[in-house]
Amino acid sequence: MRVVIQRVLQAQVEVNGRMVGRIDKGFLVYLGVGKEDTIKDAEFLAEKLVNLRIFPDEAGKMNRSLLDVGGKILLISNFTLHGDCRKGRRPGFDAAAEPNLANQLYEKVADLIIEHGVAVEKGVFGEYMHVTSTNDGPVTFLLDSSRLF
């Protein structure tokens, strides 16, 4: 699994002109599921997301987690994170999981985050979405459950 994590002051997602998810302070997380991903990848990412210390403390150092600041996550499925743009001009998606597996693991990540005590809002899996956010920093990180980066 791959994620893009953006620290935000607010974020929301709309599907067909209707808002389906909104958060204030927290993370906007784009999640892509790969063919080889399993529950272990979901467990790793959920634990990492809720405990990642990228909010500032009193000294301005990144030393606080979502749990520490009472932040939330807006979780957006995004198969394009497994897009390969190295050859040609059109991305290939051979590494992306098929939709059934991807949806199961996307939902599992959301459930695990909630079990860790962090509220989650979500987009709608497989739908065309409009996502808007106000980045805080900007602070953006890439994370891969296989630890490729």
Foldseek 3Di string as FASTA:
>chain_A
DKKKKWFFQKKWKDFPNHTQWIFGGFIEIEDFAWAPDDLLLLLVVLVCQQAPQQAQDPVGDSGDGCVRVVGAYEYEYDNCVQWDCPDDHDTDRNGGHPQVVRVVSSVSSQVSNVVVPHHYTYDDPPGDMDMDTGTDPRDMDMDDSVRPD
